């Protein structure tokens, strides 16, 4: 699920179900059945919502080590930007790996649980 400049080139790839943009309910259903989430961004994501949402659903997450992805995704899921072979290796390693999904969930909670965010905001305002 998702969109981007390679969408049409990926359609018809054997063994890959390319959906393009989907509604939130359909995305949640797809995510619940996913063996892994892949976020191969070439852009230095600031707040990588696609990765954080997958991690919050305990989906093993593979991404490029760029921008906020490098900080959000557990190291076991990171590959150098532009290195398709390393990204594929990470994907093979984490595919349907429940323990990796639990580590991703723990990391998502560490970064974005409401109490964690509120505590960091309090610290920012207290120092202002």
N, C-alpha and C. Protein backbone atom coordinates (compact mmCIF):
# COMPACT_ATOMS: atom_id res chain seq x y z
N UNK A 1 0.86 -1.18 0.00
CA UNK A 1 0.00 0.00 0.00
C UNK A 1 0.89 1.23 0.00
N UNK A 2 0.50 2.22 -0.72
CA UNK A 2 1.27 3.45 -0.76
C UNK A 2 1.34 3.98 -2.18
N UNK A 3 2.07 5.04 -2.33
CA UNK A 3 2.14 5.71 -3.61
C UNK A 3 3.57 6.18 -3.83
N UNK A 4 3.88 6.53 -5.03
CA UNK A 4 5.21 7.05 -5.32
C UNK A 4 5.53 6.88 -6.78
N UNK A 5 6.69 7.37 -7.18
CA UNK A 5 7.04 7.38 -8.60
C UNK A 5 7.24 5.98 -9.20
N UNK A 6 7.46 4.97 -8.39
CA UNK A 6 7.69 3.61 -8.91
C UNK A 6 6.44 2.74 -8.88
N UNK A 7 5.29 3.31 -8.49
CA UNK A 7 4.07 2.53 -8.33
C UNK A 7 3.74 1.72 -9.58
N UNK A 8 3.67 2.35 -10.72
CA UNK A 8 3.28 1.64 -11.94
C UNK A 8 4.33 0.59 -12.35
N UNK A 9 5.59 0.87 -12.12
CA UNK A 9 6.64 -0.09 -12.46
C UNK A 9 6.53 -1.35 -11.59
N UNK A 10 6.02 -1.20 -10.37
CA UNK A 10 5.91 -2.34 -9.46
C UNK A 10 4.68 -3.20 -9.72
N UNK A 11 3.66 -2.60 -10.31
CA UNK A 11 2.45 -3.38 -10.60
C UNK A 11 2.81 -4.56 -11.51
N UNK A 12 2.31 -5.72 -11.18
CA UNK A 12 2.58 -6.90 -11.97
C UNK A 12 3.83 -7.65 -11.56
N UNK A 13 4.55 -7.16 -10.55
CA UNK A 13 5.72 -7.87 -10.06
C UNK A 13 5.26 -9.18 -9.42
N UNK A 14 5.85 -10.28 -9.81
CA UNK A 14 5.47 -11.59 -9.29
C UNK A 14 5.59 -11.64 -7.77
N UNK A 15 4.55 -12.11 -7.13
CA UNK A 15 4.56 -12.30 -5.67
C UNK A 15 4.36 -11.02 -4.88
N UNK A 16 4.07 -9.92 -5.56
CA UNK A 16 3.89 -8.64 -4.87
C UNK A 16 2.50 -8.11 -5.17
N UNK A 17 1.78 -7.77 -4.13
CA UNK A 17 0.44 -7.19 -4.26
C UNK A 17 0.57 -5.68 -4.06
N UNK A 18 0.52 -4.94 -5.15
CA UNK A 18 0.69 -3.48 -5.11
C UNK A 18 -0.70 -2.85 -5.13
N UNK A 19 -1.05 -2.16 -4.06
CA UNK A 19 -2.39 -1.59 -3.94
C UNK A 19 -2.46 -0.10 -4.27
N UNK A 20 -1.37 0.62 -4.18
CA UNK A 20 -1.46 2.06 -4.30
C UNK A 20 -2.06 2.64 -3.03
N UNK A 21 -2.66 3.82 -3.13
CA UNK A 21 -3.29 4.44 -1.96
C UNK A 21 -4.52 3.66 -1.55
N UNK A 22 -4.68 3.47 -0.25
CA UNK A 22 -5.88 2.80 0.27
C UNK A 22 -6.43 3.62 1.43
N UNK A 23 -7.70 3.41 1.70
CA UNK A 23 -8.37 4.10 2.81
C UNK A 23 -7.82 3.58 4.14
N UNK A 24 -7.91 4.38 5.21
CA UNK A 24 -7.35 3.97 6.51
C UNK A 24 -7.82 2.61 7.03
N UNK A 25 -9.09 2.29 6.88
CA UNK A 25 -9.59 0.99 7.36
C UNK A 25 -8.96 -0.17 6.59
N UNK A 26 -8.84 0.00 5.28
CA UNK A 26 -8.21 -1.04 4.46
C UNK A 26 -6.74 -1.17 4.80
N UNK A 27 -6.09 -0.04 5.06
CA UNK A 27 -4.68 -0.08 5.44
C UNK A 27 -4.48 -0.82 6.76
N UNK A 28 -5.35 -0.58 7.72
CA UNK A 28 -5.25 -1.28 9.01
C UNK A 28 -5.42 -2.78 8.82
N UNK A 29 -6.32 -3.17 7.94
CA UNK A 29 -6.52 -4.60 7.65
C UNK A 29 -5.29 -5.21 6.98
N UNK A 30 -4.73 -4.51 6.01
CA UNK A 30 -3.52 -5.00 5.35
C UNK A 30 -2.37 -5.10 6.35
N UNK A 31 -2.24 -4.09 7.19
CA UNK A 31 -1.15 -4.07 8.17
C UNK A 31 -1.27 -5.25 9.14
N UNK A 32 -2.49 -5.59 9.53
CA UNK A 32 -2.70 -6.70 10.47
C UNK A 32 -2.23 -8.03 9.89
N UNK A 33 -2.21 -8.16 8.57
CA UNK A 33 -1.79 -9.41 7.92
C UNK A 33 -0.38 -9.36 7.38
N UNK A 34 0.30 -8.22 7.52
CA UNK A 34 1.60 -8.01 6.89
C UNK A 34 2.70 -8.84 7.55
N UNK A 35 3.59 -9.35 6.72
CA UNK A 35 4.78 -10.03 7.21
C UNK A 35 5.87 -9.05 7.61
N UNK A 36 5.82 -7.87 7.04
CA UNK A 36 6.76 -6.80 7.35
C UNK A 36 6.27 -5.53 6.67
N UNK A 37 6.73 -4.41 7.18
CA UNK A 37 6.50 -3.12 6.53
C UNK A 37 7.82 -2.67 5.95
N UNK A 38 7.78 -2.11 4.75
CA UNK A 38 8.99 -1.65 4.10
C UNK A 38 8.83 -0.15 3.82
N UNK A 39 9.78 0.63 4.31
CA UNK A 39 9.75 2.08 4.10
C UNK A 39 11.10 2.46 3.47
N UNK A 40 11.21 2.28 2.15
CA UNK A 40 12.49 2.49 1.47
C UNK A 40 12.70 3.94 1.03
N UNK A 41 12.38 4.86 1.89
CA UNK A 41 12.40 6.27 1.52
C UNK A 41 13.78 6.75 1.10
N UNK A 42 13.81 7.57 0.07
CA UNK A 42 15.05 8.22 -0.35
C UNK A 42 15.14 9.62 0.26
N UNK A 43 14.05 10.05 0.86
CA UNK A 43 13.95 11.37 1.48
C UNK A 43 14.28 11.25 2.96
N UNK A 44 14.91 12.25 3.52
CA UNK A 44 15.23 12.26 4.95
C UNK A 44 13.96 12.58 5.72
N UNK A 45 13.13 11.56 5.94
CA UNK A 45 11.85 11.72 6.64
C UNK A 45 12.06 12.44 7.97
N UNK A 46 11.19 13.37 8.29
CA UNK A 46 11.27 14.07 9.56
C UNK A 46 10.52 13.28 10.62
N UNK A 47 9.27 12.96 10.34
CA UNK A 47 8.45 12.15 11.24
C UNK A 47 7.88 11.02 10.40
N UNK A 48 8.52 9.86 10.41
CA UNK A 48 8.14 8.77 9.50
C UNK A 48 6.88 8.04 9.96
N UNK A 49 5.71 8.63 9.68
CA UNK A 49 4.45 8.07 10.14
C UNK A 49 4.19 6.66 9.63
N UNK A 50 4.51 6.36 8.38
CA UNK A 50 4.27 5.02 7.86
C UNK A 50 5.01 3.98 8.69
N UNK A 51 6.24 4.27 9.04
CA UNK A 51 7.03 3.35 9.86
C UNK A 51 6.47 3.28 11.27
N UNK A 52 6.18 4.42 11.87
CA UNK A 52 5.68 4.43 13.25
C UNK A 52 4.33 3.72 13.37
N UNK A 53 3.46 3.89 12.38
CA UNK A 53 2.16 3.21 12.42
C UNK A 53 2.33 1.70 12.29
N UNK A 54 3.22 1.27 11.42
CA UNK A 54 3.48 -0.17 11.29
C UNK A 54 4.07 -0.73 12.58
N UNK A 55 5.03 0.00 13.15
CA UNK A 55 5.66 -0.44 14.39
C UNK A 55 4.64 -0.49 15.52
N UNK A 56 3.72 0.47 15.57
CA UNK A 56 2.69 0.50 16.61
C UNK A 56 1.73 -0.68 16.47
N UNK A 57 1.68 -1.28 15.29
CA UNK A 57 0.87 -2.47 15.07
C UNK A 57 1.69 -3.75 15.22
N UNK A 58 2.90 -3.63 15.74
CA UNK A 58 3.81 -4.76 15.97
C UNK A 58 4.21 -5.47 14.68
N UNK A 59 4.33 -4.71 13.61
CA UNK A 59 4.79 -5.25 12.33
C UNK A 59 6.29 -5.03 12.23
N UNK A 60 7.08 -6.08 11.96
CA UNK A 60 8.51 -5.87 11.75
C UNK A 60 8.70 -4.82 10.65
N UNK A 61 9.59 -3.87 10.88
CA UNK A 61 9.71 -2.75 9.96
C UNK A 61 11.13 -2.64 9.42
N UNK A 62 11.22 -2.53 8.11
CA UNK A 62 12.48 -2.40 7.38
C UNK A 62 12.46 -1.03 6.70
N UNK A 63 13.55 -0.29 6.83
CA UNK A 63 13.58 1.06 6.28
C UNK A 63 15.01 1.46 5.95
N UNK A 64 15.11 2.54 5.19
CA UNK A 64 16.41 3.13 4.93
C UNK A 64 16.83 3.97 6.13
N UNK A 65 18.10 3.94 6.45
CA UNK A 65 18.65 4.68 7.60
C UNK A 65 18.85 6.13 7.20
N UNK A 66 17.74 6.85 7.11
CA UNK A 66 17.77 8.22 6.63
C UNK A 66 16.83 9.06 7.48
N UNK A 67 17.26 10.24 7.88
CA UNK A 67 16.41 11.16 8.63
C UNK A 67 15.82 10.52 9.87
N UNK A 68 14.55 10.77 10.10
CA UNK A 68 13.86 10.25 11.27
C UNK A 68 13.73 8.73 11.29
N UNK A 69 13.80 8.10 10.12
CA UNK A 69 13.75 6.64 10.08
C UNK A 69 14.92 6.03 10.84
N UNK A 70 16.08 6.64 10.71
CA UNK A 70 17.28 6.13 11.39
C UNK A 70 17.12 6.19 12.90
N UNK A 71 16.32 7.13 13.39
CA UNK A 71 16.10 7.25 14.82
C UNK A 71 14.92 6.41 15.29
N UNK A 72 13.92 6.22 14.44
CA UNK A 72 12.69 5.55 14.86
C UNK A 72 12.75 4.04 14.75
N UNK A 73 13.23 3.53 13.64
CA UNK A 73 13.20 2.09 13.37
C UNK A 73 14.33 1.41 14.14
N UNK A 74 14.03 0.26 14.77
CA UNK A 74 15.11 -0.46 15.44
C UNK A 74 16.27 -0.76 14.48
N UNK A 75 17.49 -0.72 14.96
CA UNK A 75 18.66 -0.92 14.09
C UNK A 75 18.62 -2.18 13.24
N UNK A 76 18.01 -3.25 13.74
CA UNK A 76 17.95 -4.50 12.98
C UNK A 76 17.15 -4.34 11.68
N UNK A 77 16.33 -3.30 11.57
CA UNK A 77 15.52 -3.08 10.38
C UNK A 77 16.06 -2.05 9.43
N UNK A 78 17.23 -1.50 9.71
CA UNK A 78 17.76 -0.41 8.90
C UNK A 78 18.76 -0.88 7.85
N UNK A 79 18.68 -0.25 6.68
CA UNK A 79 19.63 -0.50 5.59
C UNK A 79 20.11 0.86 5.08
N UNK A 80 21.32 0.91 4.55
CA UNK A 80 21.82 2.19 3.99
C UNK A 80 20.92 2.68 2.85
N UNK A 81 20.69 3.99 2.76
CA UNK A 81 19.89 4.51 1.65
C UNK A 81 20.48 4.11 0.30
N UNK A 82 19.61 3.67 -0.60
CA UNK A 82 20.04 3.30 -1.94
C UNK A 82 20.62 1.91 -2.08
N UNK A 83 20.71 1.16 -0.98
CA UNK A 83 21.29 -0.19 -1.03
C UNK A 83 20.17 -1.23 -1.03
N UNK A 84 19.70 -1.55 -2.24
CA UNK A 84 18.58 -2.49 -2.38
C UNK A 84 18.92 -3.87 -1.84
N UNK A 85 20.15 -4.32 -2.00
CA UNK A 85 20.54 -5.65 -1.51
C UNK A 85 20.47 -5.69 0.02
N UNK A 86 20.92 -4.64 0.68
CA UNK A 86 20.87 -4.60 2.14
C UNK A 86 19.42 -4.52 2.62
N UNK A 87 18.59 -3.77 1.90
CA UNK A 87 17.18 -3.68 2.25
C UNK A 87 16.52 -5.05 2.12
N UNK A 88 16.82 -5.77 1.05
CA UNK A 88 16.28 -7.11 0.84
C UNK A 88 16.77 -8.07 1.93
N UNK A 89 18.02 -7.94 2.33
CA UNK A 89 18.57 -8.77 3.39
C UNK A 89 17.83 -8.54 4.71
N UNK A 90 17.60 -7.28 5.04
CA UNK A 90 16.86 -6.93 6.26
C UNK A 90 15.45 -7.50 6.19
N UNK A 91 14.83 -7.40 5.02
CA UNK A 91 13.47 -7.92 4.84
C UNK A 91 13.43 -9.43 5.05
N UNK A 92 14.37 -10.15 4.44
CA UNK A 92 14.42 -11.61 4.63
C UNK A 92 14.61 -11.96 6.10
N UNK A 93 15.44 -11.20 6.77
CA UNK A 93 15.74 -11.47 8.18
C UNK A 93 14.54 -11.24 9.10
N UNK A 94 13.72 -10.25 8.79
CA UNK A 94 12.63 -9.86 9.69
C UNK A 94 11.25 -10.34 9.26
N UNK A 95 11.14 -10.93 8.09
CA UNK A 95 9.84 -11.35 7.56
C UNK A 95 9.11 -12.27 8.55
N UNK A 96 7.93 -11.85 8.94
CA UNK A 96 7.06 -12.59 9.87
C UNK A 96 7.78 -12.95 11.18
N UNK A 97 8.72 -12.13 11.58
CA UNK A 97 9.47 -12.34 12.82
C UNK A 97 8.72 -11.65 13.96
N UNK A 98 7.95 -12.42 14.73
CA UNK A 98 7.11 -11.86 15.78
C UNK A 98 7.93 -11.12 16.83
N UNK A 99 9.10 -11.63 17.16
CA UNK A 99 9.94 -10.96 18.16
C UNK A 99 10.39 -9.58 17.65
N UNK A 100 10.71 -9.50 16.36
CA UNK A 100 11.08 -8.20 15.77
C UNK A 100 9.89 -7.25 15.79
N UNK A 101 8.70 -7.78 15.57
CA UNK A 101 7.49 -6.97 15.65
C UNK A 101 7.28 -6.42 17.05
N UNK A 102 7.53 -7.23 18.04
CA UNK A 102 7.40 -6.77 19.43
C UNK A 102 8.45 -5.72 19.77
N UNK A 103 9.66 -5.88 19.25
CA UNK A 103 10.69 -4.86 19.47
C UNK A 103 10.32 -3.55 18.77
N UNK A 104 9.72 -3.65 17.59
CA UNK A 104 9.26 -2.45 16.88
C UNK A 104 8.16 -1.76 17.68
N UNK A 105 7.24 -2.54 18.22
CA UNK A 105 6.16 -1.98 19.04
C UNK A 105 6.73 -1.28 20.27
N UNK A 106 7.68 -1.90 20.93
CA UNK A 106 8.30 -1.29 22.11
C UNK A 106 8.98 0.03 21.75
N UNK A 107 9.64 0.06 20.59
CA UNK A 107 10.31 1.29 20.15
C UNK A 107 9.28 2.38 19.83
N UNK A 108 8.18 2.01 19.17
CA UNK A 108 7.13 2.98 18.86
C UNK A 108 6.55 3.56 20.15
N UNK A 109 6.33 2.72 21.13
CA UNK A 109 5.80 3.21 22.41
C UNK A 109 6.81 4.12 23.10
N UNK A 110 8.08 3.75 23.03
CA UNK A 110 9.14 4.56 23.64
C UNK A 110 9.18 5.97 23.02
N UNK A 111 8.95 6.05 21.73
CA UNK A 111 9.04 7.33 21.03
C UNK A 111 7.76 8.14 21.06
N UNK A 112 6.61 7.46 20.98
CA UNK A 112 5.40 8.22 20.72
C UNK A 112 4.21 7.95 21.62
N UNK A 113 4.39 7.19 22.69
CA UNK A 113 3.28 7.02 23.63
C UNK A 113 2.92 8.39 24.20
N UNK A 114 1.63 8.66 24.39
CA UNK A 114 1.22 9.99 24.86
C UNK A 114 1.97 10.47 26.10
N UNK A 115 2.19 9.61 27.05
CA UNK A 115 2.89 10.05 28.27
C UNK A 115 4.35 10.42 27.99
N UNK A 116 4.97 9.74 27.03
CA UNK A 116 6.35 10.07 26.65
C UNK A 116 6.41 11.42 25.94
N UNK A 117 5.49 11.63 25.02
CA UNK A 117 5.46 12.89 24.28
C UNK A 117 5.14 14.05 25.24
N UNK A 118 4.18 13.85 26.12
CA UNK A 118 3.80 14.90 27.08
C UNK A 118 4.99 15.26 27.97
N UNK A 119 5.73 14.26 28.42
CA UNK A 119 6.89 14.52 29.27
C UNK A 119 7.96 15.34 28.56
N UNK A 120 8.20 15.01 27.29
CA UNK A 120 9.19 15.77 26.53
C UNK A 120 8.72 17.21 26.28
N UNK A 121 7.41 17.36 26.00
CA UNK A 121 6.88 18.72 25.80
C UNK A 121 6.98 19.55 27.08
N UNK A 122 6.68 18.93 28.23
CA UNK A 122 6.81 19.64 29.51
C UNK A 122 8.25 20.12 29.70
N UNK A 123 9.19 19.27 29.38
CA UNK A 123 10.60 19.64 29.53
C UNK A 123 10.97 20.82 28.62
N UNK A 124 10.44 20.82 27.41
CA UNK A 124 10.71 21.92 26.47
C UNK A 124 10.15 23.22 27.02
N UNK A 125 8.89 23.19 27.47
CA UNK A 125 8.26 24.41 27.98
C UNK A 125 8.86 24.86 29.30
N UNK A 126 9.30 23.94 30.11
CA UNK A 126 9.92 24.29 31.40
C UNK A 126 11.26 25.00 31.17
N UNK A 127 11.93 24.64 30.12
CA UNK A 127 13.23 25.25 29.82
C UNK A 127 13.11 26.55 29.05
N UNK A 128 11.92 26.87 28.57
CA UNK A 128 11.74 28.09 27.76
C UNK A 128 11.73 29.35 28.57
